[in-house]
N, C-alpha and C. Protein backbone atom coordinates (compact mmCIF):
# COMPACT_ATOMS: atom_id res chain seq x y z
N UNK A 1 16.25 86.41 -79.08
CA UNK A 1 15.56 85.62 -79.87
C UNK A 1 16.26 85.98 -81.00
N UNK A 2 16.92 84.72 -81.42
CA UNK A 2 17.35 84.85 -82.73
C UNK A 2 17.19 84.92 -84.26
N UNK A 3 16.33 85.73 -84.36
CA UNK A 3 15.49 85.48 -85.59
C UNK A 3 16.05 85.27 -87.53
N UNK A 4 17.25 85.11 -87.31
CA UNK A 4 18.10 85.29 -88.96
C UNK A 4 19.34 84.64 -88.78
N UNK A 5 20.00 84.15 -89.34
CA UNK A 5 21.61 83.10 -89.25
C UNK A 5 22.07 83.03 -90.97
N UNK A 6 23.32 83.45 -91.28
CA UNK A 6 23.96 83.95 -92.16
C UNK A 6 25.38 83.04 -91.89
N UNK A 7 25.61 81.72 -93.42
CA UNK A 7 26.79 81.61 -92.74
C UNK A 7 27.21 79.88 -94.09
N UNK A 8 27.69 79.96 -93.19
CA UNK A 8 28.61 78.21 -95.50
C UNK A 8 27.43 77.32 -94.38
N UNK A 9 27.60 76.68 -95.38
CA UNK A 9 26.27 75.09 -95.06
C UNK A 9 27.11 74.13 -95.18
N UNK A 10 27.60 73.46 -93.78
CA UNK A 10 27.96 72.55 -93.50
C UNK A 10 27.13 70.96 -93.73
N UNK A 11 26.59 70.73 -93.33
CA UNK A 11 25.88 69.72 -93.65
C UNK A 11 24.72 69.48 -93.42
N UNK A 12 23.60 68.29 -94.78
CA UNK A 12 22.53 67.94 -95.16
C UNK A 12 22.57 67.35 -94.42
N UNK A 13 21.14 67.47 -93.98
CA UNK A 13 20.37 65.53 -93.33
C UNK A 13 18.55 66.07 -94.02
N UNK A 14 18.23 64.78 -93.58
CA UNK A 14 16.57 64.80 -94.09
C UNK A 14 16.13 65.71 -93.07
N UNK A 15 15.79 66.27 -91.83
CA UNK A 15 15.59 66.91 -91.67
C UNK A 15 15.96 68.16 -91.26
N UNK A 16 16.98 68.90 -90.91
CA UNK A 16 17.80 70.05 -90.56
C UNK A 16 19.38 70.23 -91.76
N UNK A 17 19.69 71.22 -91.33
CA UNK A 17 21.05 71.58 -92.17
C UNK A 17 21.89 71.94 -90.41
N UNK A 18 23.63 71.81 -90.43
CA UNK A 18 24.07 72.77 -89.77
C UNK A 18 24.74 74.13 -90.25
N UNK A 19 25.16 74.66 -89.99
CA UNK A 19 25.44 75.96 -90.62
C UNK A 19 26.87 76.31 -90.12
N UNK A 20 27.50 76.98 -90.32
CA UNK A 20 28.38 77.66 -89.32
C UNK A 20 28.21 78.92 -89.57
N UNK A 21 28.42 79.48 -88.21
CA UNK A 21 28.00 80.89 -87.85
C UNK A 21 29.76 81.47 -86.96
N UNK A 22 30.09 82.18 -87.33
CA UNK A 22 30.82 82.57 -86.58
C UNK A 22 31.93 81.87 -86.35
N UNK A 23 32.53 80.26 -86.39
CA UNK A 23 32.99 79.27 -86.09
C UNK A 23 32.29 77.92 -85.07
N UNK A 24 30.87 78.61 -84.78
CA UNK A 24 30.27 77.54 -84.50
C UNK A 24 29.41 76.95 -85.52
N UNK A 25 28.85 75.96 -84.99
CA UNK A 25 28.10 74.42 -85.83
C UNK A 25 26.61 74.40 -85.36
N UNK A 26 26.19 75.06 -86.38
CA UNK A 26 24.26 75.36 -85.72
C UNK A 26 23.71 74.87 -86.10
N UNK A 27 23.00 73.95 -85.43
CA UNK A 27 21.61 73.20 -86.17
C UNK A 27 21.11 73.94 -86.17
N UNK A 28 19.82 73.30 -86.91
CA UNK A 28 18.73 74.61 -87.84
C UNK A 28 17.95 72.66 -88.19
N UNK A 29 16.90 73.18 -87.55
CA UNK A 29 15.84 71.90 -88.46
C UNK A 29 14.76 73.37 -89.15
N UNK A 30 14.08 71.92 -90.55
CA UNK A 30 13.39 73.47 -91.35
C UNK A 30 13.01 71.87 -91.68
N UNK A 31 11.62 72.65 -92.82
CA UNK A 31 10.90 72.15 -93.46
C UNK A 31 11.48 71.02 -94.56
N UNK A 32 12.49 71.88 -95.57
CA UNK A 32 13.12 71.42 -96.82
C UNK A 32 14.84 71.85 -96.52
N UNK A 33 15.05 71.29 -96.03
CA UNK A 33 17.07 71.38 -95.92
C UNK A 33 17.46 71.00 -97.56
N UNK A 34 17.11 70.67 -98.02
CA UNK A 34 17.53 69.83 -99.51
C UNK A 34 17.08 71.02 -100.08
N UNK A 35 16.69 72.21 -100.42
CA UNK A 35 17.13 73.23 -101.60
C UNK A 35 18.35 73.61 -100.13
N UNK A 36 19.39 73.41 -99.48
CA UNK A 36 20.43 74.00 -99.24
C UNK A 36 21.77 73.35 -99.87
N UNK A 37 22.60 73.52 -100.37
CA UNK A 37 24.35 72.76 -100.52
C UNK A 37 25.14 72.96 -99.61
N UNK A 38 25.77 71.86 -99.42
CA UNK A 38 26.76 71.92 -98.25
C UNK A 38 27.98 72.66 -99.69
N UNK A 39 28.58 73.34 -98.54
CA UNK A 39 29.89 74.26 -99.47
C UNK A 39 28.96 75.71 -99.73
N UNK A 40 27.75 75.90 -99.78
CA UNK A 40 27.42 77.40 -100.13
C UNK A 40 26.81 78.35 -99.16
N UNK A 41 26.88 79.17 -99.59
CA UNK A 41 26.28 80.03 -98.04
C UNK A 41 24.21 80.29 -98.26
N UNK A 42 23.89 80.59 -96.80
CA UNK A 42 22.85 80.30 -96.61
C UNK A 42 22.06 81.35 -95.95
N UNK A 43 21.54 81.81 -96.15
CA UNK A 43 21.01 82.79 -95.26
C UNK A 43 19.23 82.31 -94.78
N UNK A 44 19.20 82.51 -93.70
CA UNK A 44 17.30 81.51 -93.11
C UNK A 44 16.89 82.78 -92.51
N UNK A 45 15.89 82.44 -92.18
CA UNK A 45 14.62 83.70 -91.30
C UNK A 45 14.30 82.05 -89.57
N UNK A 46 14.59 82.48 -88.72
CA UNK A 46 14.86 81.44 -87.38
C UNK A 46 13.81 81.90 -86.59
N UNK A 47 13.67 80.47 -86.10
CA UNK A 47 12.96 80.75 -84.83
C UNK A 47 13.06 80.16 -83.66
N UNK A 48 13.61 80.96 -82.32
CA UNK A 48 13.85 79.93 -81.88
C UNK A 48 13.10 79.31 -80.34
N UNK A 49 13.21 78.20 -80.13
CA UNK A 49 12.39 77.73 -79.29
C UNK A 49 12.67 76.87 -78.06
N UNK A 50 12.30 77.86 -77.08
CA UNK A 50 12.69 77.06 -75.83
C UNK A 50 12.05 75.80 -75.03
N UNK A 51 12.68 74.54 -74.98
CA UNK A 51 11.81 73.88 -74.18
C UNK A 51 12.63 73.56 -72.95
N UNK A 52 12.06 72.78 -72.28
CA UNK A 52 12.86 72.01 -71.39
C UNK A 52 14.11 71.25 -71.41
N UNK A 53 14.24 70.38 -71.85
CA UNK A 53 15.65 70.18 -71.93
C UNK A 53 16.21 70.94 -73.20
N UNK A 54 15.98 71.88 -73.80
CA UNK A 54 17.31 72.79 -73.82
C UNK A 54 16.64 73.68 -75.08
N UNK A 55 17.20 73.91 -76.17
CA UNK A 55 17.20 75.14 -77.62
C UNK A 55 17.10 73.97 -78.25
N UNK A 56 16.08 74.90 -79.61
CA UNK A 56 16.05 73.99 -80.68
C UNK A 56 15.89 75.58 -81.79
N UNK A 57 16.57 75.32 -83.20
CA UNK A 57 16.17 76.47 -83.02
C UNK A 57 15.89 75.67 -84.76
N UNK A 58 14.82 76.87 -85.78
CA UNK A 58 14.18 76.08 -86.65
C UNK A 58 13.82 77.35 -88.04
N UNK A 59 14.72 76.66 -89.20
CA UNK A 59 15.09 77.77 -90.24
C UNK A 59 14.38 78.15 -91.43
N UNK A 60 14.09 78.73 -91.94
CA UNK A 60 13.24 79.00 -92.80
C UNK A 60 13.47 79.65 -94.35
N UNK A 61 12.93 80.09 -95.59
CA UNK A 61 13.81 80.23 -96.20
C UNK A 61 13.47 81.99 -96.31
N UNK A 62 12.47 82.07 -95.87
CA UNK A 62 11.82 84.29 -96.07
C UNK A 62 11.16 83.95 -94.22
N UNK A 63 11.26 85.29 -94.01
CA UNK A 63 10.59 85.84 -92.76
C UNK A 63 9.20 85.84 -92.53
N UNK A 64 8.77 85.13 -94.48
CA UNK A 64 6.48 85.15 -94.49
C UNK A 64 6.93 83.42 -93.68
N UNK A 65 7.48 82.94 -94.01
CA UNK A 65 7.03 81.33 -94.20
C UNK A 65 7.43 80.67 -92.25
N UNK A 66 8.38 81.51 -92.26
CA UNK A 66 8.49 81.54 -90.59
C UNK A 66 7.77 82.29 -89.52
N UNK A 67 7.09 83.33 -90.57
CA UNK A 67 5.45 84.08 -89.97
C UNK A 67 4.32 82.94 -89.45
N UNK A 68 3.97 82.26 -90.66
CA UNK A 68 3.63 81.83 -90.97
C UNK A 68 3.71 79.88 -89.91
N UNK A 69 4.28 80.14 -89.69
CA UNK A 69 5.17 78.78 -89.14
C UNK A 69 4.78 79.02 -87.86
N UNK A 70 4.84 80.21 -87.29
CA UNK A 70 4.80 80.58 -85.53
C UNK A 70 3.09 81.12 -85.95
N UNK A 71 2.56 81.27 -86.42
CA UNK A 71 0.74 81.61 -87.34
C UNK A 71 0.47 80.08 -86.62
N UNK A 72 1.04 78.96 -87.24
CA UNK A 72 1.03 77.58 -86.68
C UNK A 72 0.80 77.58 -85.17
N UNK A 73 2.32 77.71 -84.65
CA UNK A 73 2.20 77.38 -83.16
C UNK A 73 1.37 78.61 -82.55
N UNK A 74 0.83 79.37 -83.15
CA UNK A 74 0.04 80.14 -81.66
C UNK A 74 -1.51 79.26 -81.61
N UNK A 75 -1.93 77.60 -82.68
CA UNK A 75 -2.44 77.05 -82.34
C UNK A 75 -2.37 76.18 -81.04
N UNK A 76 -3.00 75.87 -79.70
CA UNK A 76 -2.98 75.82 -78.86
C UNK A 76 -2.40 73.66 -78.90
N UNK A 77 -1.98 73.56 -78.16
CA UNK A 77 -1.43 72.14 -78.68
C UNK A 77 -0.64 72.56 -79.48
N UNK A 78 -0.34 72.40 -80.88
CA UNK A 78 0.69 72.63 -81.72
C UNK A 78 1.85 73.04 -80.96
N UNK A 79 2.87 72.19 -81.14
CA UNK A 79 4.38 73.11 -81.08
C UNK A 79 5.03 73.01 -82.37
N UNK A 80 6.53 73.06 -81.99
CA UNK A 80 7.45 73.68 -82.96
C UNK A 80 7.79 72.38 -84.43
N UNK A 81 7.61 71.15 -83.65
CA UNK A 81 7.59 69.70 -84.03
C UNK A 81 6.61 69.97 -85.52
N UNK A 82 5.88 69.47 -84.63
CA UNK A 82 4.21 69.25 -85.07
C UNK A 82 3.98 70.39 -86.32
N UNK A 83 4.42 71.80 -86.10
CA UNK A 83 4.46 72.73 -86.94
C UNK A 83 4.85 72.39 -88.21
N UNK A 84 6.39 71.98 -87.73
CA UNK A 84 7.13 71.85 -89.06
C UNK A 84 6.88 70.49 -89.91
N UNK A 85 6.75 69.96 -89.20
CA UNK A 85 5.66 68.80 -90.22
C UNK A 85 4.64 69.67 -91.02
N UNK A 86 3.60 69.96 -90.65
CA UNK A 86 2.75 70.32 -91.18
C UNK A 86 2.97 71.27 -92.60
N UNK A 87 4.11 72.05 -92.06
CA UNK A 87 4.80 72.49 -93.72
C UNK A 87 5.99 71.53 -94.52
N UNK A 88 5.83 70.08 -93.86
CA UNK A 88 6.42 69.81 -94.53
C UNK A 88 5.80 69.07 -95.45
N UNK A 89 4.47 68.98 -95.18
CA UNK A 89 3.16 68.95 -95.70
C UNK A 89 2.85 69.32 -97.37
N UNK A 90 3.16 70.81 -96.50
CA UNK A 90 2.17 71.37 -97.73
C UNK A 90 2.64 73.12 -97.68
N UNK A 91 2.26 73.59 -98.57
CA UNK A 91 2.93 74.77 -98.80
C UNK A 91 2.36 75.63 -97.83
N UNK A 92 2.64 77.14 -97.26
CA UNK A 92 1.71 78.01 -96.32
C UNK A 92 0.67 78.93 -97.03
N UNK A 93 0.76 78.73 -98.55
CA UNK A 93 -0.38 78.94 -99.06
C UNK A 93 -1.38 78.41 -99.68
N UNK A 94 -0.96 76.82 -99.61
CA UNK A 94 -2.13 75.93 -100.06
C UNK A 94 -3.23 75.82 -98.68
N UNK A 95 -2.19 76.15 -97.00
CA UNK A 95 -2.45 75.70 -95.67
C UNK A 95 -3.29 77.33 -95.69
N UNK A 96 -3.16 78.20 -96.06
CA UNK A 96 -3.79 79.58 -95.08
C UNK A 96 -5.08 79.60 -96.44
N UNK A 97 -5.26 79.27 -97.57
CA UNK A 97 -6.05 78.73 -98.41
C UNK A 97 -7.41 78.03 -97.60
N UNK A 98 -6.63 76.74 -97.19
CA UNK A 98 -7.61 75.75 -96.68
C UNK A 98 -8.04 76.26 -95.25
N UNK A 99 -7.14 76.85 -94.76
CA UNK A 99 -7.40 77.38 -93.57
C UNK A 99 -9.44 77.98 -93.83
N UNK A 100 -8.55 79.72 -94.67
CA UNK A 100 -9.60 80.43 -95.33
C UNK A 100 -11.37 79.67 -95.42
N UNK A 101 -11.42 78.83 -96.62
CA UNK A 101 -12.06 78.10 -97.07
C UNK A 101 -13.09 77.26 -96.28
N UNK A 102 -12.02 77.22 -95.29
CA UNK A 102 -12.53 76.01 -93.92
C UNK A 102 -12.48 74.92 -94.44
N UNK A 103 -11.92 74.07 -94.58
CA UNK A 103 -11.47 73.15 -96.14
C UNK A 103 -10.99 71.94 -94.82
N UNK A 104 -12.20 71.14 -93.82
CA UNK A 104 -10.72 70.36 -92.89
C UNK A 104 -10.75 69.08 -93.38
N UNK A 105 -11.57 68.83 -94.65
CA UNK A 105 -10.55 67.19 -95.34
C UNK A 105 -9.61 67.73 -95.74
N UNK A 106 -8.97 68.58 -96.21
CA UNK A 106 -7.67 69.66 -96.87
C UNK A 106 -7.22 69.04 -95.64
N UNK A 107 -7.05 69.56 -95.08
CA UNK A 107 -5.78 70.14 -93.33
C UNK A 107 -6.03 68.86 -92.97
N UNK A 108 -7.15 68.17 -92.24
CA UNK A 108 -6.71 66.85 -91.74
C UNK A 108 -5.83 65.80 -92.13
N UNK A 109 -6.14 65.73 -93.65
CA UNK A 109 -5.40 64.31 -94.70
C UNK A 109 -4.04 65.42 -94.94
N UNK A 110 -4.06 66.50 -95.61
CA UNK A 110 -2.20 66.76 -95.77
C UNK A 110 -1.77 66.96 -94.37
N UNK A 111 -1.98 67.63 -93.40
CA UNK A 111 -0.61 68.71 -92.27
C UNK A 111 -1.15 66.97 -91.43
N UNK A 112 -2.12 65.96 -91.40
CA UNK A 112 -1.28 64.71 -90.61
C UNK A 112 -1.66 64.62 -89.50
N UNK A 113 -2.57 65.63 -88.60
CA UNK A 113 -3.39 66.52 -87.24
C UNK A 113 -3.83 66.01 -86.60
N UNK A 114 -4.52 65.03 -87.69
CA UNK A 114 -6.17 64.47 -87.14
C UNK A 114 -7.13 65.29 -87.45
N UNK A 115 -8.30 65.11 -87.45
CA UNK A 115 -9.26 65.47 -87.57
C UNK A 115 -9.71 66.67 -86.14
N UNK A 116 -9.67 66.40 -84.84
CA UNK A 116 -9.79 67.43 -83.91
C UNK A 116 -8.45 68.15 -83.76
N UNK A 117 -7.59 68.50 -84.02
CA UNK A 117 -6.37 69.72 -84.23
C UNK A 117 -6.91 70.37 -85.58
N UNK A 118 -7.55 69.84 -86.45
CA UNK A 118 -7.54 70.36 -87.78
C UNK A 118 -8.94 71.54 -87.70
N UNK A 119 -9.82 70.94 -87.01
CA UNK A 119 -10.58 72.00 -86.31
C UNK A 119 -10.49 73.23 -84.95
N UNK A 120 -9.16 72.72 -84.43
CA UNK A 120 -9.28 73.60 -83.72
C UNK A 120 -7.94 74.58 -84.77
N UNK A 121 -7.14 73.87 -85.64
CA UNK A 121 -6.35 75.04 -86.39
C UNK A 121 -7.97 75.98 -87.68
N UNK A 122 -8.75 75.79 -87.61
CA UNK A 122 -9.64 76.33 -88.58
C UNK A 122 -9.90 77.08 -87.36
N UNK A 123 -10.86 76.37 -86.47
CA UNK A 123 -11.01 77.77 -85.36
C UNK A 123 -10.46 78.84 -84.87
N UNK A 124 -9.05 78.37 -84.77
CA UNK A 124 -7.64 79.39 -83.82
C UNK A 124 -7.66 80.37 -85.12
N UNK A 125 -7.34 80.08 -86.42
CA UNK A 125 -7.03 80.40 -87.47
C UNK A 125 -7.56 81.87 -88.53
N UNK A 126 -8.79 81.09 -88.51
CA UNK A 126 -9.64 81.43 -89.37
C UNK A 126 -9.60 83.33 -89.77
N UNK A 127 -9.53 83.64 -88.97
CA UNK A 127 -9.26 85.76 -88.85
C UNK A 127 -8.13 85.60 -89.43
N UNK A 128 -7.56 84.78 -89.16
CA UNK A 128 -5.80 85.57 -89.08
C UNK A 128 -4.91 85.30 -90.49
N UNK A 129 -5.91 84.14 -91.50
CA UNK A 129 -4.84 84.70 -92.73
C UNK A 129 -6.21 84.74 -93.46
N UNK A 130 -4.62 85.13 -95.18
CA UNK A 130 -5.87 85.88 -96.31
C UNK A 130 -6.45 84.31 -96.23
N UNK A 131 -7.67 85.10 -97.46
CA UNK A 131 -8.39 84.02 -97.67
C UNK A 131 -8.70 83.88 -99.12
N UNK A 132 -7.60 83.12 -99.57
CA UNK A 132 -6.68 82.84 -100.75
C UNK A 132 -7.32 81.52 -101.11
N UNK A 133 -7.21 81.72 -102.24
CA UNK A 133 -7.62 80.17 -102.93
C UNK A 133 -6.54 79.29 -103.33
N UNK A 134 -7.13 77.73 -102.92
CA UNK A 134 -6.31 76.75 -102.86
C UNK A 134 -6.18 76.26 -103.75
N UNK A 135 -5.69 75.07 -104.38
CA UNK A 135 -5.94 74.16 -105.18
C UNK A 135 -4.65 72.30 -104.67
N UNK A 136 -6.05 71.16 -104.09
CA UNK A 136 -4.59 70.37 -102.98
C UNK A 136 -4.29 69.73 -104.97
N UNK A 137 -4.42 69.86 -105.62
CA UNK A 137 -3.52 69.36 -107.08
C UNK A 137 -2.03 68.94 -106.09
N UNK A 138 -0.90 69.64 -105.59
CA UNK A 138 -0.77 69.10 -104.99
C UNK A 138 -0.27 68.44 -103.95
N UNK A 139 -0.86 68.44 -103.80
CA UNK A 139 -0.91 67.41 -102.65
C UNK A 139 -1.25 66.00 -102.42
N UNK A 140 -2.15 65.85 -103.28
CA UNK A 140 -2.68 65.03 -103.82
C UNK A 140 -1.15 63.98 -104.91
N UNK A 141 -0.68 65.12 -105.17
CA UNK A 141 0.77 64.10 -106.77
C UNK A 141 1.82 64.66 -105.34
N UNK A 142 2.09 64.13 -104.09
CA UNK A 142 2.64 65.04 -103.17
C UNK A 142 2.76 63.64 -102.63
N UNK A 143 1.67 62.98 -101.88
CA UNK A 143 0.67 61.95 -101.68
C UNK A 143 0.59 60.73 -102.42
N UNK A 144 0.48 60.60 -104.37
CA UNK A 144 0.82 59.60 -105.15
C UNK A 144 2.26 59.69 -105.41
N UNK A 145 3.34 60.38 -105.21
CA UNK A 145 4.99 60.28 -104.77
C UNK A 145 5.32 59.15 -104.12
N UNK A 146 5.14 59.51 -102.99
CA UNK A 146 4.79 58.28 -101.73
C UNK A 146 4.55 57.38 -101.83
N UNK A 147 3.40 56.98 -101.92
CA UNK A 147 2.55 56.20 -102.23
C UNK A 147 3.37 55.21 -103.32
N UNK A 148 4.30 56.06 -104.06
CA UNK A 148 4.86 54.89 -104.97
C UNK A 148 5.90 54.63 -105.08
N UNK A 149 6.85 54.86 -103.71
CA UNK A 149 7.99 55.13 -103.16
C UNK A 149 8.72 55.05 -102.97
N UNK A 150 8.66 57.00 -103.24
CA UNK A 150 9.39 58.81 -102.82
C UNK A 150 9.05 58.53 -101.61
N UNK A 151 10.34 58.84 -101.01
CA UNK A 151 10.78 59.11 -100.05
C UNK A 151 9.72 60.53 -99.76
N UNK A 152 9.25 61.20 -98.63
CA UNK A 152 8.87 63.10 -98.65
C UNK A 152 9.92 63.50 -99.00
N UNK A 153 11.17 63.55 -98.71
CA UNK A 153 11.77 64.14 -99.32
C UNK A 153 12.50 64.75 -100.49
N UNK A 154 12.15 63.29 -101.67
CA UNK A 154 12.48 63.18 -102.92
C UNK A 154 11.15 63.68 -103.46
N UNK A 155 9.78 63.65 -102.66
CA UNK A 155 8.86 63.64 -103.58
C UNK A 155 8.74 65.57 -103.15
N UNK A 156 8.77 65.92 -102.42
CA UNK A 156 8.75 67.48 -102.19
C UNK A 156 9.88 67.76 -103.15
N UNK A 157 11.51 67.53 -103.67
CA UNK A 157 12.20 68.34 -104.33
C UNK A 157 11.07 68.21 -105.35
N UNK A 158 10.76 67.22 -105.98
CA UNK A 158 10.09 66.71 -107.44
C UNK A 158 9.49 67.88 -107.37
N UNK A 159 8.09 68.01 -106.84
CA UNK A 159 7.53 69.16 -106.82
C UNK A 159 8.29 70.23 -107.03
N UNK A 160 9.02 70.88 -106.45
CA UNK A 160 9.41 72.34 -106.82
C UNK A 160 10.06 72.22 -107.73
N UNK A 161 10.53 71.23 -108.42
CA UNK A 161 10.60 71.52 -109.69
C UNK A 161 9.68 70.96 -111.32
N UNK A 162 8.79 71.19 -111.06
CA UNK A 162 7.28 70.82 -111.58
C UNK A 162 7.22 72.63 -111.75
N UNK A 163 7.44 73.39 -113.05
CA UNK A 163 7.42 74.24 -113.34
C UNK A 163 5.61 75.10 -113.45
N UNK A 164 5.76 76.24 -112.75
CA UNK A 164 4.80 76.55 -112.15
C UNK A 164 3.74 76.85 -113.48
N UNK A 165 3.43 76.67 -114.42
CA UNK A 165 2.81 77.04 -115.63
C UNK A 165 1.66 75.31 -115.74
N UNK A 166 2.56 74.42 -115.06
CA UNK A 166 1.97 73.16 -115.13
C UNK A 166 0.89 73.06 -114.54
N UNK A 167 -0.60 72.66 -114.63
CA UNK A 167 -2.02 72.68 -113.92
C UNK A 167 -2.17 71.57 -114.29
N UNK A 168 -3.59 71.02 -113.13
CA UNK A 168 -3.81 69.83 -112.73
C UNK A 168 -2.71 69.21 -112.48
N UNK A 169 -4.12 68.07 -111.47
CA UNK A 169 -3.15 67.23 -111.03
C UNK A 169 -2.27 66.06 -112.36
N UNK A 170 -2.72 65.54 -112.88
CA UNK A 170 -2.06 64.49 -114.06
C UNK A 170 -0.44 65.46 -114.94
N UNK A 171 -1.52 66.36 -114.99
CA UNK A 171 0.12 67.18 -115.69
C UNK A 171 1.36 67.32 -114.83
N UNK A 172 0.50 67.22 -113.79
CA UNK A 172 1.96 68.16 -112.31
C UNK A 172 2.10 66.98 -112.06
N UNK A 173 1.74 65.73 -111.51
CA UNK A 173 2.03 64.66 -111.49
C UNK A 173 3.66 63.74 -112.59
N UNK A 174 2.81 63.86 -113.67
CA UNK A 174 3.86 63.57 -115.14
C UNK A 174 5.17 64.58 -115.04
N UNK A 175 4.62 65.52 -115.03
CA UNK A 175 6.48 66.64 -114.19
C UNK A 175 6.97 66.40 -113.57
N UNK A 176 6.43 66.13 -112.57
CA UNK A 176 6.96 65.51 -110.99
C UNK A 176 7.99 64.03 -110.93
N UNK A 177 7.35 63.25 -112.17
CA UNK A 177 7.81 61.35 -112.51
C UNK A 177 8.99 62.54 -112.78
N UNK A 178 9.03 63.17 -114.63
CA UNK A 178 10.03 63.28 -114.80
C UNK A 178 11.03 63.90 -114.58
N UNK A 179 10.75 64.96 -113.43
CA UNK A 179 11.94 65.36 -112.88
C UNK A 179 12.84 65.20 -112.04
N UNK A 180 12.15 63.43 -111.98
CA UNK A 180 12.83 62.58 -110.58
C UNK A 180 13.75 61.73 -110.96
N UNK A 181 13.64 61.43 -113.17
CA UNK A 181 14.44 60.65 -113.13
C UNK A 181 16.01 60.96 -113.33
């Protein structure tokens, strides 16, 4: 199992990046490839998924994000592409908080997996995640940015640029819009 790679970033796309490792260009599917820069070194925690038609490597900024991805994979009926799509829409901390609070509406809306799959996630993961508080202000800000015409990638980048000290949906939205200019 490939658990980590390190190498120079050769290409960054909307859903993946190519990292050169020992002369091989390895495509790594990611929830936030825009965090990488071409020509810079990257160290990614990875998950190798075996599929019927080949192998796919999924990369994360750290082992905690990879571990949360693998926790989502443990839910029956959720595969790697769906798990990655869920992590593109919300942070692991917000998802863990929603699961801990059994917030079905948040999961169904933010994860985009439908009500039945969200219920299954709650049931199967309820005892496996820390019960942390979650604030769905960022998910609402993300949805607003997308509704205003931002690409999902740009909306995520704008949200990451908002300082942690900025709280509240309106304030975070203003800061995200200001960072996008």
